[in-house]
Protein backbone atom coordinates (compact mmCIF):
# COMPACT_ATOMS: atom_id res chain seq x y z
CA MET A 1 9.32 -5.28 -31.33
CA ILE A 2 12.94 -4.24 -31.79
CA PRO A 3 12.56 -0.79 -30.12
CA GLY A 4 10.97 -2.45 -27.07
CA LEU A 5 13.80 -4.95 -26.82
CA LEU A 6 16.36 -2.17 -27.13
CA GLY A 7 14.58 -0.29 -24.36
CA PHE A 8 14.72 -3.32 -22.06
CA LEU A 9 18.40 -3.83 -22.78
CA THR A 10 19.19 -0.13 -22.28
CA GLY A 11 17.34 -0.14 -18.95
CA ALA A 12 19.16 -3.28 -17.83
CA VAL A 13 22.55 -1.78 -18.69
CA LEU A 14 21.77 1.51 -16.92
CA TYR A 15 20.51 -0.39 -13.87
CA GLY A 16 23.66 -2.49 -13.77
CA LEU A 17 25.95 0.51 -14.13
CA THR A 18 24.25 2.66 -11.48
CA TYR A 19 23.34 -0.04 -8.94
CA GLN A 20 26.37 0.47 -6.67
CA GLN A 21 25.78 4.23 -6.41
CA VAL A 22 21.98 4.32 -6.21
CA PHE A 23 20.94 1.27 -4.18
CA PRO A 24 22.64 2.19 -0.85
CA LYS A 25 20.98 5.63 -0.86
CA ILE A 26 17.53 4.22 -1.61
CA SER A 27 18.02 1.41 0.90
CA ALA A 28 18.97 3.88 3.66
CA ILE A 29 15.80 5.91 3.05
CA ALA A 30 13.42 2.94 2.86
CA ASN A 31 14.91 0.78 5.62
CA TYR A 32 12.33 0.63 8.41
CA GLY A 33 13.37 -2.79 9.63
CA ASN A 34 10.86 -5.49 10.48
CA VAL A 35 7.58 -3.57 10.77
CA VAL A 36 3.96 -4.10 9.78
CA LEU A 37 1.56 -1.44 8.47
CA PRO A 38 -0.38 -0.93 11.72
CA ASP A 39 2.88 -0.25 13.59
CA LEU A 40 4.09 2.03 10.83
CA TRP A 41 0.83 4.00 10.82
CA HIS A 42 0.39 3.85 14.64
CA ILE A 43 -3.09 2.33 14.49
CA ASN A 44 -4.80 -0.70 16.04
CA PRO A 45 -4.13 -3.89 14.00
CA TYR A 46 -7.83 -4.77 13.98
CA LEU A 47 -8.64 -1.35 12.53
CA ALA A 48 -6.14 -1.98 9.73
CA VAL A 49 -7.78 -5.36 8.99
CA LEU A 50 -11.21 -3.70 8.97
CA VAL A 51 -10.07 -0.93 6.63
CA PHE A 52 -8.50 -3.35 4.14
CA THR A 53 -11.54 -5.63 4.30
CA ILE A 54 -13.86 -2.72 3.52
CA MET A 55 -11.57 -1.60 0.69
CA ALA A 56 -11.61 -5.11 -0.81
CA LEU A 57 -15.39 -5.38 -0.55
CA VAL A 58 -15.88 -1.97 -2.18
CA LEU A 59 -13.47 -2.95 -4.95
CA PHE A 60 -15.31 -6.24 -5.57
CA TYR A 61 -18.63 -4.37 -5.63
CA LEU A 62 -17.32 -1.83 -8.15
CA ILE A 63 -15.90 -4.58 -10.37
CA ASP A 64 -19.26 -6.36 -10.30
CA ARG A 65 -21.19 -3.18 -11.07
CA ALA A 66 -18.86 -2.25 -13.94
CA GLY A 67 -19.17 -5.72 -15.47
CA LEU A 68 -15.42 -6.32 -15.50
CA GLN A 69 -15.58 -9.90 -14.22
CA ARG A 70 -14.33 -12.77 -16.37
CA LYS A 71 -16.69 -13.78 -19.16
CA LYS A 72 -17.97 -17.36 -19.30
CA LYS A 73 -16.75 -19.46 -22.22
């Protein structure tokens, strides 16, 4: 318990000390403005919806087949 707490505190201190130097560089790299995934990937928005729908359905199917759904009380 104590080592985990010390790790959290150490991470928080390091984050606070390096924020001013690190954040502007990361923000400059990752700043694409106001975009959505289809614009970012240069694809039709309906194709993006179809792809994510298929991915969700496959994921739900795999969860059902693996038996990972919530157990009844």
